[in-house]
Every structure is written in structure tokens, then in C-alpha cells.
Amino acid sequence: VSRCQIDLSTLSKEQTHKLEVPLEEGEGYLVLLVTLTASAAVTISDLSINSLEDQKEREEILKRYSPMMMFHNISDVGFLQVKVIRAEALMAADVTGKDSFSKSDPFCVVELNNDRLLTHTVYRNLNPEWNKIFTFNIKDIHSVLEVTVYDEDRDRSADFLGKVAIPLLSIQNGEQKAYVLKNKQLTGPTKGVIYLEIDVIFNAVKASIRTLMPKEQKYIEEEDRLSKQLLLRNFVRMKHCIMALVTAVCYISSCFDWDSPPRTLAAFLLFLFVVWNFELYMIPLALLLLLAWNYFLIVSGKDNRQHDTVVEDMLEDEEEEDDRDDKDGEKKGFMNRLYAIQEVCVTVQNILDEIASFGERIKNTFNWTVPFLSWLAIVALSVFTIILYFIPLRYIVLVWGINKFTKKIRNPYAIDNNELLDFLSRVPSDVQVMQYHELKQDLTHSPSKRKKNNPA
């Protein structure tokens, strides 16, 4: 038996810490996730105990996140309530008995960043009812709620049955919805649906300020794995970003070559006008006009953008390739003999993903993929345009430099960050957009639909 001690007074509050504490009596480390909080908002209760249905409690919650409280406790952005009601037509994880009776012992895990709560297990049931309510404190409105269904197994780790990932900003309050369960990679459907009712209450000003701060690191994540198809997908994504830049450069070069005289003449006149009248404030103004133009296309219905079909195809191929890789891995065990090469490949795979995601996030900001973030960009660009128009550049640089040089003196524990990169980290990449996309339920296979069609 070994033990360890942790001095909680050295830990900052309202933040999840990952600790690796050496054991006092014996070898090894104990890995812990510790959060010091004075809030009781992370709770689990029965369906009969509903905070939002109690008028007094609801008014208290609404008051806490009202515009009047915008500068009180910036880290407390909002309140999330999740009703996990039931699931239908789940996958049968166990086959027992002479008649090959299929069953599962499902339970549900609800996660928001590093907060993780579980329901009870419903034994021998493919249509379980949990009727539980989970409440969370929202520290970042751009977080994603993850709900995963597992099959309990006493002899080994729980079997995966299905999962959904729901961005908080896409939630429609008070609406009970049936979410089609997806596979582990969130690339395609698996068997079963889960019924959830979700409510989100948040302060928009706090959420906007929090967007420009570092994103909370999620500790409960699966380790990176090497996948030939994932590596190829990331390469194709990066290739698309590079080809977009190459196309833009070629288009500009063609204007100098007079391939199209009317276009070159128009570009030349635009060049003369911009250079003669250029002011620094025109840079954010141009980005502002691009956002406004894309918004006009969306509102007018002229924007026929669809998800990148290449990404969709790659996701489908990745799922099939993963299945093949798993089977081949059991037979050959090839990957287990090449740890060094695998580590290098995983690093390259992740670098490609980072580069491709960066380009896709910039594109999705201007494409209004997340309206909240695009509106925030419009506000920021408008402010920058006004500042650059009325205030000389030397004063702006002077204020920026004074702030940088005195930041550590004013706040020694401040974490240095880049607000623009923190903003872009909240914008989903094309792959994340596909993963968060809600699948439509096939009503022909729904148990409730079959009951209506076959009342007998």
C-alpha cells in the first residue's frame, strides 16, 4: 500500500490541474485531475429535480448571467443543464444463452471539457431509460458537450456503444431531441439513438472576453494513434490550403500578364486607387467588408456552400481503413514492431493536421460557420478600423509596447497569450464541422415508429 500528499493551497481555484504525484512508499506516480471550486453547479440528480423548472432558482440563474453581471467572475460564463432521458435500439454487446439472447448493460457518460459525470447502469436492456439531469458550469461557450454510451462489463473495460458531440452554441434550449449515435471517431453512424434535452444560459460579454483567452486544455483524451488514412487525409487538407494560396497568387500574376485585358485594366485602376488613397484602417475594413459580403450571400440564399466532399470521402475511407488496420494488426502486429517510426509518423500526422486546421479556421471565420464568432470578428474589426482611423499609429504602438513591458509587473502570474490565435482556436476546422454535424434519424428503423406501424 502506498500513499501521497497534495498541498491544495498551492493550486489555483476554478481550474483543472493535472498532477503526477510520486508515491511515498513504493515506486510509481499517481496521476490526478484536481479542481478547486466553490460552485455547486456540477451536479447529477433525478428528472423530478429540475433547477430551471423552479421559478425562483431559474430567476437566480438568469440574474447571475444577466448583462448587469458582465464583469463579475469572468471565468463563470454560463450554466448548462443536460437531461439524459433514454436511448433506443442500442447495439447488443453481449450474446448469452442457448437462444443467443442479445443484450447490453448500458450506462451514459456526460463530459464537458474536464468535467465528467456518469449515469447508473440499466442491466439487460437495449432501450434503457436513465431520466437523469446533469448541470455544469460553463467556462467557455465554445466547448463541446460529449455524451457517450458504454456497455458495462465486470470482467474487462466497458465496451463502446455510441457517442455524440454537441457544440454548446448549436443547442436549442428546452427541446427534446433524438441524436443518432456515432462511432468513436464521430465520422459515421452506429446503432441506436439517445434522447437529450439541453438548456444553455450564458453571458455573451463574458463569453466574448473568454474567447480571447487561452483555451482550457482537455486532459481526458485518447492518445494519438497512427492511421495511414488519417495521415493521407491531413495531407490532402493541407494540400487544399496550399492550393488555395497558389490559385490566388496565379490569379494575381495573370493580371500582370494581360491574359484578360478587361480584368487587368480593372485591377490596374484598382491598384492606382488603393495605393493613392491607402490608409492603415483600410486593412481591417477590407476584412470587415468580406465578412459582410459572405453574410449577404447566406441571407439572400445565394451561398450554395457545402461541406468539403473530399473531407467527407476521406472520413468514410478512414473508417473503413481503420477496420482493415485493426484486422491486419491482429494478424501481423506490424505496428507494434515499429514504435520509433510510428512516433515520427504520428508527429508528422499532427503537424499536418495543425497546418490544415489553421487555414480551415480562417476560412470558416469568414464563412460564418459559427455566427457568434463571426459577429465577434465584425465587432473587433469595426473597433480596429475606428481606432486606426482616428488615432495615429505611433500612439497605438506605444500603448501596445507599454502594456507588453509592464504586464509581468502588473500581474506576475499572467499567462502570455496571443488573442488572435486564441480566437482562431475556437473556430472549428472542416473535420470538426463534420464531426459535430447532426445525423438525421432513420425513422423506418426507430422502435417507436415500428410500434405505430404495428400496433398488434
Protein backbone atom coordinates (compact mmCIF):
# COMPACT_ATOMS: atom_id res chain seq x y z
CA VAL A 1 0.00 0.00 0.00
CA SER A 2 1.40 3.42 -0.99
CA ARG A 3 0.22 6.95 -0.32
CA CYS A 4 0.90 10.53 -1.33
CA GLN A 5 0.11 14.05 -0.10
CA ILE A 6 -1.03 17.10 -2.06
CA ASP A 7 -0.87 20.69 -0.80
CA LEU A 8 -4.13 22.14 -2.14
CA SER A 9 -3.16 25.67 -1.06
CA THR A 10 -0.65 25.83 -3.94
CA LEU A 11 -3.32 25.19 -6.58
CA SER A 12 -5.27 27.97 -8.28
CA LYS A 13 -9.04 27.91 -7.99
CA GLU A 14 -11.64 27.24 -10.67
CA GLN A 15 -9.08 25.47 -12.85
CA THR A 16 -8.43 21.79 -13.54
CA HIS A 17 -4.87 20.69 -12.75
CA LYS A 18 -3.19 17.52 -13.99
CA LEU A 19 -0.86 16.29 -11.23
CA GLU A 20 1.69 13.48 -11.29
CA VAL A 21 2.43 12.83 -7.61
CA PRO A 22 5.18 10.37 -6.61
CA LEU A 23 4.12 7.69 -4.14
CA GLU A 24 5.80 7.84 -0.72
CA GLU A 25 6.03 4.12 -0.06
CA GLY A 26 6.90 2.36 -3.26
CA GLU A 27 7.68 3.15 -6.86
CA GLY A 28 5.48 4.90 -9.36
CA TYR A 29 3.32 8.00 -9.75
CA LEU A 30 -0.35 8.73 -9.17
CA VAL A 31 -1.93 10.82 -11.94
CA LEU A 32 -4.80 13.03 -10.73
CA LEU A 33 -7.13 15.68 -12.12
CA VAL A 34 -7.88 18.16 -9.32
CA THR A 35 -10.25 21.14 -9.46
CA LEU A 36 -10.82 23.55 -6.56
CA THR A 37 -14.23 25.12 -6.93
CA ALA A 38 -16.74 26.87 -4.68
CA SER A 39 -19.56 26.19 -7.12
CA ALA A 40 -22.18 23.51 -6.71
CA ALA A 41 -23.25 23.74 -10.35
CA VAL A 42 -21.64 20.43 -11.38
CA THR A 43 -24.30 18.04 -10.13
CA ILE A 44 -26.38 14.99 -11.01
CA SER A 45 -30.00 14.48 -9.96
CA ASP A 46 -33.22 12.72 -10.91
CA LEU A 47 -35.55 14.11 -13.58
CA SER A 48 -38.02 15.24 -10.92
CA ILE A 49 -35.47 17.73 -9.52
CA ASN A 50 -35.19 20.39 -12.23
CA SER A 51 -33.46 23.68 -11.41
CA LEU A 52 -34.88 25.51 -14.42
CA GLU A 53 -38.48 24.49 -13.67
CA ASP A 54 -38.24 26.02 -10.20
CA GLN A 55 -39.12 29.67 -10.88
CA LYS A 56 -37.01 31.02 -8.02
CA GLU A 57 -33.91 29.05 -9.00
CA ARG A 58 -34.38 29.96 -12.66
CA GLU A 59 -34.55 33.67 -11.85
CA GLU A 60 -31.39 33.30 -9.75
CA ILE A 61 -29.54 31.66 -12.63
CA LEU A 62 -30.77 34.26 -15.14
CA LYS A 63 -29.72 37.06 -12.79
CA ARG A 64 -26.25 35.53 -12.36
CA TYR A 65 -25.66 35.65 -16.13
CA SER A 66 -27.53 38.88 -16.90
CA PRO A 67 -25.77 41.78 -18.72
CA MET A 68 -25.51 43.62 -15.37
CA MET A 69 -23.11 40.90 -14.12
CA MET A 70 -20.83 41.00 -17.16
CA PHE A 71 -17.68 41.93 -15.20
CA HIS A 72 -18.33 39.71 -12.18
CA ASN A 73 -16.28 36.47 -12.17
CA ILE A 74 -15.22 36.40 -15.83
CA SER A 75 -14.45 32.66 -15.68
CA ASP A 76 -18.10 31.84 -14.88
CA VAL A 77 -19.53 32.22 -18.39
CA GLY A 78 -22.78 30.27 -18.15
CA PHE A 79 -24.94 27.40 -16.95
CA LEU A 80 -25.61 24.10 -18.72
CA GLN A 81 -28.34 21.61 -17.88
CA VAL A 82 -28.47 18.24 -19.66
CA LYS A 83 -31.40 15.85 -19.33
CA VAL A 84 -30.34 12.34 -20.32
CA ILE A 85 -33.73 10.72 -20.84
CA ARG A 86 -33.36 7.42 -22.68
CA ALA A 87 -31.80 5.55 -25.59
CA GLU A 88 -33.35 3.28 -28.19
CA ALA A 89 -32.18 0.37 -30.36
CA LEU A 90 -28.67 0.22 -28.92
CA MET A 91 -26.06 -2.22 -30.14
CA ALA A 92 -26.07 -5.61 -28.41
CA ALA A 93 -22.64 -6.02 -26.84
CA ASP A 94 -23.26 -9.40 -25.19
CA VAL A 95 -24.70 -12.59 -26.63
CA THR A 96 -25.61 -15.19 -24.00
CA GLY A 97 -27.82 -18.23 -23.50
CA LYS A 98 -28.84 -21.12 -25.68
CA ASP A 99 -31.11 -18.90 -27.77
CA SER A 100 -28.28 -16.39 -28.32
CA PHE A 101 -30.17 -13.70 -26.42
CA SER A 102 -28.59 -10.33 -27.24
CA LYS A 103 -28.33 -7.69 -24.56
CA SER A 104 -26.30 -4.80 -23.22
CA ASP A 105 -25.80 -3.21 -19.81
CA PRO A 106 -25.69 0.44 -20.93
CA PHE A 107 -24.65 3.48 -18.93
CA CYS A 108 -24.02 7.02 -20.11
CA VAL A 109 -21.02 9.35 -19.63
CA VAL A 110 -21.56 13.11 -19.97
CA GLU A 111 -18.44 15.27 -20.45
CA LEU A 112 -17.83 19.00 -20.72
CA ASN A 113 -14.11 19.71 -21.03
CA ASN A 114 -12.62 18.12 -17.87
CA ASP A 115 -15.95 17.69 -16.04
CA ARG A 116 -17.18 14.11 -16.33
CA LEU A 117 -20.37 12.59 -14.83
CA LEU A 118 -21.99 9.15 -15.19
CA THR A 119 -25.49 7.72 -15.04
CA HIS A 120 -26.39 4.45 -13.38
CA THR A 121 -26.30 1.20 -15.40
CA VAL A 122 -29.52 -0.29 -16.79
CA TYR A 123 -28.94 -4.03 -16.99
CA ARG A 124 -30.04 -6.32 -19.85
CA ASN A 125 -31.72 -3.59 -21.88
CA LEU A 126 -31.25 -2.21 -25.39
CA ASN A 127 -33.76 0.60 -24.76
CA PRO A 128 -32.62 1.98 -21.38
CA GLU A 129 -34.23 4.87 -19.51
CA TRP A 130 -31.94 6.93 -17.26
CA ASN A 131 -34.04 10.06 -16.57
CA LYS A 132 -31.11 11.98 -15.05
CA ILE A 133 -30.26 15.68 -15.00
CA PHE A 134 -26.66 16.92 -15.16
CA THR A 135 -25.66 20.53 -14.54
CA PHE A 136 -22.31 22.15 -15.36
CA ASN A 137 -20.60 25.48 -15.05
CA ILE A 138 -19.67 26.79 -18.49
CA LYS A 139 -16.17 28.25 -18.57
CA ASP A 140 -16.02 28.54 -22.36
CA ILE A 141 -19.12 28.87 -24.54
CA HIS A 142 -17.20 27.25 -27.42
CA SER A 143 -16.89 23.98 -25.51
CA VAL A 144 -18.39 20.79 -26.90
CA LEU A 145 -20.72 18.56 -24.87
CA GLU A 146 -19.84 14.88 -25.35
CA VAL A 147 -22.31 12.13 -24.46
CA THR A 148 -21.04 8.56 -24.73
CA VAL A 149 -22.90 5.29 -24.16
CA TYR A 150 -20.96 2.28 -22.87
CA ASP A 151 -21.77 -1.32 -22.05
CA GLU A 152 -20.72 -2.26 -18.51
CA ASP A 153 -18.57 -5.34 -18.25
CA ARG A 154 -17.35 -6.53 -14.88
CA ASP A 155 -14.53 -8.66 -16.24
CA ARG A 156 -12.96 -6.04 -18.52
CA SER A 157 -13.18 -2.40 -19.58
CA ALA A 158 -16.52 -1.08 -20.77
CA ASP A 159 -17.47 -1.61 -24.41
CA PHE A 160 -18.17 1.44 -26.57
CA LEU A 161 -21.75 1.62 -27.94
CA GLY A 162 -22.00 5.13 -29.39
CA LYS A 163 -21.25 8.80 -28.96
CA VAL A 164 -22.47 12.30 -29.88
CA ALA A 165 -20.62 15.63 -29.72
CA ILE A 166 -22.74 18.80 -29.48
CA PRO A 167 -21.25 22.33 -29.57
CA LEU A 168 -22.92 24.48 -26.90
CA LEU A 169 -23.66 27.27 -29.38
CA SER A 170 -25.70 24.89 -31.57
CA ILE A 171 -28.07 23.85 -28.78
CA GLN A 172 -31.75 24.76 -28.96
CA ASN A 173 -32.95 25.31 -25.40
CA GLY A 174 -35.71 23.17 -23.92
CA GLU A 175 -36.16 20.95 -26.98
CA GLN A 176 -36.07 17.20 -26.52
CA LYS A 177 -34.15 15.73 -29.47
CA ALA A 178 -33.14 12.30 -30.64
CA TYR A 179 -29.44 12.23 -31.52
CA VAL A 180 -28.17 9.43 -33.74
CA LEU A 181 -25.17 7.81 -32.07
CA LYS A 182 -21.86 7.88 -33.93
CA ASN A 183 -18.68 5.82 -33.87
CA LYS A 184 -15.60 6.69 -31.80
CA GLN A 185 -14.15 8.98 -34.47
CA LEU A 186 -17.56 10.71 -34.96
CA THR A 187 -17.24 10.02 -38.68
CA GLY A 188 -20.34 7.89 -39.20
CA PRO A 189 -23.43 6.44 -37.50
CA THR A 190 -23.56 3.44 -35.25
CA LYS A 191 -26.62 1.63 -33.99
CA GLY A 192 -29.06 3.47 -31.70
CA VAL A 193 -30.28 6.95 -30.77
CA ILE A 194 -30.18 8.87 -27.49
CA TYR A 195 -32.81 11.35 -26.31
CA LEU A 196 -31.50 14.54 -24.70
CA GLU A 197 -32.99 17.84 -23.58
CA ILE A 198 -30.42 20.59 -23.11
CA ASP A 199 -30.57 24.16 -21.82
CA VAL A 200 -27.77 26.73 -22.05
CA ILE A 201 -27.78 30.09 -20.29
CA PHE A 202 -24.73 32.31 -20.71
CA ASN A 203 -23.49 35.89 -20.62
CA ALA A 204 -22.49 36.99 -24.14
CA VAL A 205 -20.00 39.62 -22.94
CA LYS A 206 -18.20 37.17 -20.65
CA ALA A 207 -18.22 34.58 -23.44
CA SER A 208 -16.66 37.10 -25.86
CA ILE A 209 -13.93 38.09 -23.41
CA ARG A 210 -13.20 34.43 -22.63
CA THR A 211 -12.81 33.76 -26.38
CA LEU A 212 -9.69 35.94 -26.41
CA MET A 213 -8.09 33.99 -23.55
CA PRO A 214 -6.20 30.65 -23.72
CA LYS A 215 -8.38 27.62 -24.30
CA GLU A 216 -8.68 25.13 -21.45
CA GLN A 217 -6.59 22.04 -22.07
CA LYS A 218 -8.57 18.82 -22.01
CA TYR A 219 -6.78 16.09 -20.07
CA ILE A 220 -9.21 13.22 -20.56
CA GLU A 221 -8.40 12.36 -24.17
CA GLU A 222 -7.35 9.31 -26.11
CA GLU A 223 -3.71 9.07 -27.14
CA ASP A 224 -2.83 9.95 -30.72
CA ARG A 225 -2.81 6.90 -32.94
CA LEU A 226 -1.18 6.30 -36.30
CA SER A 227 -3.54 5.79 -39.20
CA LYS A 228 -2.46 5.64 -42.83
CA GLN A 229 -5.77 7.09 -43.94
CA LEU A 230 -5.70 9.84 -41.30
CA LEU A 231 -2.19 10.79 -42.40
CA LEU A 232 -3.35 10.94 -46.03
CA ARG A 233 -6.44 12.94 -45.07
CA ASN A 234 -4.36 15.55 -43.24
CA PHE A 235 -2.01 15.76 -46.22
CA VAL A 236 -4.96 16.34 -48.58
CA ARG A 237 -6.37 19.02 -46.23
CA MET A 238 -3.03 20.85 -46.15
CA LYS A 239 -2.77 20.49 -49.94
CA HIS A 240 -6.17 22.22 -50.33
CA CYS A 241 -4.99 25.14 -48.17
CA ILE A 242 -1.76 25.49 -50.16
CA MET A 243 -3.60 25.19 -53.49
CA ALA A 244 -5.97 27.98 -52.44
CA LEU A 245 -2.96 30.26 -51.86
CA VAL A 246 -1.35 29.14 -55.14
CA THR A 247 -4.59 29.83 -57.02
CA ALA A 248 -4.79 33.32 -55.54
CA VAL A 249 -1.14 34.04 -56.48
CA CYS A 250 -1.70 32.71 -60.02
CA TYR A 251 -4.81 34.87 -60.37
CA ILE A 252 -2.85 37.98 -59.35
CA SER A 253 0.04 37.03 -61.67
CA SER A 254 -2.37 36.62 -64.59
CA CYS A 255 -3.39 40.25 -64.14
CA PHE A 256 0.18 41.31 -64.93
CA ASP A 257 0.33 39.05 -67.99
CA TRP A 258 -2.77 40.61 -69.64
CA ASP A 259 -4.41 37.20 -70.11
CA SER A 260 -7.72 39.03 -69.83
CA PRO A 261 -7.34 42.73 -70.83
CA PRO A 262 -10.61 43.90 -69.15
CA ARG A 263 -9.66 42.18 -65.89
CA THR A 264 -6.10 43.51 -65.99
CA LEU A 265 -7.32 47.04 -66.70
CA ALA A 266 -9.77 46.87 -63.79
CA ALA A 267 -7.03 45.51 -61.50
CA PHE A 268 -4.66 48.32 -62.61
CA LEU A 269 -7.23 51.04 -61.89
CA LEU A 270 -8.00 49.44 -58.51
CA PHE A 271 -4.27 49.33 -57.71
CA LEU A 272 -3.84 53.04 -58.51
CA PHE A 273 -6.90 53.99 -56.45
CA VAL A 274 -5.91 51.91 -53.40
CA VAL A 275 -2.25 52.98 -53.36
CA TRP A 276 -3.09 56.67 -53.80
CA ASN A 277 -5.73 56.64 -51.07
CA PHE A 278 -4.37 53.89 -48.80
CA GLU A 279 -4.66 54.30 -45.05
CA LEU A 280 -3.90 51.69 -42.39
CA TYR A 281 -7.53 51.44 -41.28
CA MET A 282 -8.45 50.03 -44.69
CA ILE A 283 -6.92 46.63 -43.79
CA PRO A 284 -9.48 45.71 -41.09
CA LEU A 285 -12.13 47.49 -43.17
CA ALA A 286 -11.45 45.16 -46.11
CA LEU A 287 -11.80 42.10 -43.84
CA LEU A 288 -14.99 43.60 -42.44
CA LEU A 289 -16.42 44.00 -45.95
CA LEU A 290 -15.53 40.36 -46.75
CA LEU A 291 -17.46 39.17 -43.69
CA ALA A 292 -20.41 41.40 -44.62
CA TRP A 293 -20.41 40.12 -48.22
CA ASN A 294 -20.45 36.46 -47.13
CA TYR A 295 -23.27 37.23 -44.68
CA PHE A 296 -25.25 38.85 -47.52
CA LEU A 297 -24.78 35.73 -49.67
CA ILE A 298 -26.00 33.48 -46.86
CA VAL A 299 -29.05 35.63 -46.04
CA SER A 300 -30.01 36.04 -49.71
CA GLY A 301 -29.73 32.30 -50.30
CA LYS A 302 -27.08 32.70 -52.99
CA ASP A 303 -24.46 30.88 -50.97
CA ASN A 304 -24.58 27.23 -52.02
CA ARG A 305 -21.56 26.14 -49.98
CA GLN A 306 -21.48 22.50 -48.97
CA HIS A 307 -19.15 20.56 -46.77
CA ASP A 308 -15.91 19.62 -48.43
CA THR A 309 -16.72 16.39 -50.27
CA VAL A 310 -13.07 15.40 -50.17
CA VAL A 311 -13.11 15.56 -46.37
CA GLU A 312 -16.34 13.53 -46.27
CA ASP A 313 -14.89 10.87 -48.55
CA MET A 314 -11.68 10.75 -46.55
CA LEU A 315 -13.63 10.35 -43.31
CA GLU A 316 -15.58 7.43 -44.77
CA ASP A 317 -12.41 5.87 -46.15
CA GLU A 318 -10.69 6.38 -42.80
CA GLU A 319 -13.43 4.44 -41.02
CA GLU A 320 -13.10 1.55 -43.47
CA GLU A 321 -9.31 1.71 -43.33
CA ASP A 322 -9.37 1.66 -39.52
CA ASP A 323 -11.41 -1.53 -39.61
CA ARG A 324 -8.92 -3.08 -42.02
CA ASP A 325 -6.00 -1.83 -39.95
CA ASP A 326 -7.47 -3.41 -36.82
CA LYS A 327 -7.84 -6.78 -38.56
CA ASP A 328 -4.40 -6.61 -40.12
CA GLY A 329 -2.94 -5.56 -36.77
CA GLU A 330 -4.31 -8.66 -35.10
CA LYS A 331 -2.74 -10.90 -37.77
CA LYS A 332 0.61 -9.27 -38.37
CA GLY A 333 1.24 -6.97 -35.41
CA PHE A 334 3.30 -4.84 -37.80
CA MET A 335 2.78 -1.52 -36.00
CA ASN A 336 3.87 -2.96 -32.66
CA ARG A 337 7.34 -3.65 -34.07
CA LEU A 338 7.91 -0.13 -35.37
CA TYR A 339 7.45 2.15 -32.36
CA ALA A 340 10.15 4.61 -33.39
CA ILE A 341 8.79 5.06 -36.91
CA GLN A 342 5.26 5.23 -35.56
CA GLU A 343 6.15 8.09 -33.21
CA VAL A 344 7.68 10.09 -36.07
CA CYS A 345 4.67 9.42 -38.29
CA VAL A 346 2.25 10.50 -35.56
CA THR A 347 4.20 13.74 -35.14
CA VAL A 348 4.06 14.42 -38.89
CA GLN A 349 0.38 13.50 -38.90
CA ASN A 350 -0.35 16.00 -36.11
CA ILE A 351 1.72 18.77 -37.73
CA LEU A 352 -0.20 18.35 -40.99
CA ASP A 353 -3.44 18.49 -39.02
CA GLU A 354 -2.39 21.72 -37.26
CA ILE A 355 -1.41 23.43 -40.51
CA ALA A 356 -4.56 22.36 -42.34
CA SER A 357 -6.78 23.26 -39.37
CA PHE A 358 -5.26 26.74 -39.15
CA GLY A 359 -6.16 27.51 -42.77
CA GLU A 360 -9.63 25.98 -42.42
CA ARG A 361 -10.35 28.00 -39.28
CA ILE A 362 -9.53 31.26 -41.05
CA LYS A 363 -11.82 30.25 -43.92
CA ASN A 364 -14.64 29.21 -41.58
CA THR A 365 -14.45 32.52 -39.71
CA PHE A 366 -15.31 34.39 -42.91
CA ASN A 367 -17.80 31.69 -44.00
CA TRP A 368 -19.97 32.23 -40.88
CA THR A 369 -19.60 28.60 -39.81
CA VAL A 370 -20.08 29.79 -36.19
CA PRO A 371 -22.17 33.01 -36.33
CA PHE A 372 -21.22 34.00 -32.76
CA LEU A 373 -17.52 34.09 -33.68
CA SER A 374 -18.14 35.87 -37.00
CA TRP A 375 -20.17 38.58 -35.24
CA LEU A 376 -17.38 38.89 -32.66
CA ALA A 377 -14.90 39.32 -35.53
CA ILE A 378 -17.10 42.05 -37.02
CA VAL A 379 -17.17 43.93 -33.71
CA ALA A 380 -13.39 43.61 -33.29
CA LEU A 381 -12.65 44.69 -36.88
CA SER A 382 -15.04 47.65 -36.56
CA VAL A 383 -13.25 48.79 -33.39
CA PHE A 384 -9.81 48.39 -35.04
CA THR A 385 -11.00 50.35 -38.08
CA ILE A 386 -12.22 53.25 -35.92
CA ILE A 387 -9.05 53.24 -33.80
CA LEU A 388 -6.74 53.22 -36.83
CA TYR A 389 -8.78 55.97 -38.48
CA PHE A 390 -8.73 58.40 -35.56
CA ILE A 391 -5.52 57.52 -33.66
CA PRO A 392 -2.01 57.80 -35.17
CA LEU A 393 -0.10 54.54 -35.49
CA ARG A 394 2.75 55.69 -33.20
CA TYR A 395 0.35 56.06 -30.27
CA ILE A 396 -1.12 52.61 -30.85
CA VAL A 397 2.34 51.00 -30.96
CA LEU A 398 3.33 52.99 -27.84
CA VAL A 399 0.33 51.70 -25.86
CA TRP A 400 0.98 48.14 -27.08
CA GLY A 401 4.65 48.29 -26.05
CA ILE A 402 3.92 49.76 -22.60
CA ASN A 403 1.35 47.02 -21.99
CA LYS A 404 3.81 44.28 -23.00
CA PHE A 405 6.69 45.62 -20.92
CA THR A 406 4.60 46.18 -17.77
CA LYS A 407 2.36 43.09 -17.99
CA LYS A 408 4.52 40.92 -15.72
CA ILE A 409 4.89 43.76 -13.20
CA ARG A 410 1.14 44.37 -13.02
CA ASN A 411 0.26 40.68 -12.98
CA PRO A 412 3.24 38.37 -12.28
CA TYR A 413 1.16 35.20 -12.78
CA ALA A 414 -0.42 36.23 -16.07
CA ILE A 415 -0.13 33.72 -18.89
CA ASP A 416 1.29 35.26 -22.04
CA ASN A 417 -1.05 34.66 -24.93
CA ASN A 418 -1.94 35.74 -28.44
CA GLU A 419 -5.57 36.87 -28.63
CA LEU A 420 -5.84 36.22 -32.37
CA LEU A 421 -4.63 32.62 -32.04
CA ASP A 422 -6.90 32.09 -29.03
CA PHE A 423 -9.83 33.33 -31.14
CA LEU A 424 -8.95 31.01 -34.04
CA SER A 425 -8.63 28.04 -31.67
CA ARG A 426 -12.38 28.35 -31.05
CA VAL A 427 -13.28 28.21 -34.74
CA PRO A 428 -13.89 24.59 -35.84
CA SER A 429 -11.89 23.06 -38.67
CA ASP A 430 -13.64 21.29 -41.56
CA VAL A 431 -13.14 17.91 -39.87
CA GLN A 432 -14.66 19.19 -36.62
CA VAL A 433 -17.62 20.63 -38.55
CA MET A 434 -18.24 17.16 -39.96
CA GLN A 435 -17.83 15.53 -36.55
CA TYR A 436 -20.30 17.92 -34.92
CA HIS A 437 -22.79 17.59 -37.77
CA GLU A 438 -26.06 16.13 -36.51
CA LEU A 439 -27.15 13.00 -38.34
CA LYS A 440 -30.78 12.51 -39.32
CA GLN A 441 -32.65 9.70 -37.65
CA ASP A 442 -33.86 6.85 -39.86
CA LEU A 443 -37.49 6.68 -38.76
CA THR A 444 -38.06 3.40 -40.56
CA HIS A 445 -35.78 1.67 -38.04
CA SER A 446 -36.99 3.52 -34.97
CA PRO A 447 -38.65 1.31 -32.32
CA SER A 448 -41.28 3.96 -31.61
CA LYS A 449 -42.09 4.13 -35.35
CA ARG A 450 -42.38 0.34 -35.62
CA LYS A 451 -44.83 0.32 -32.72
CA LYS A 452 -47.06 2.82 -34.52
CA ASN A 453 -46.90 0.86 -37.77
CA ASN A 454 -47.53 -2.46 -35.99
CA PRO A 455 -49.97 -1.82 -33.13
CA ALA A 456 -50.52 -5.50 -32.71
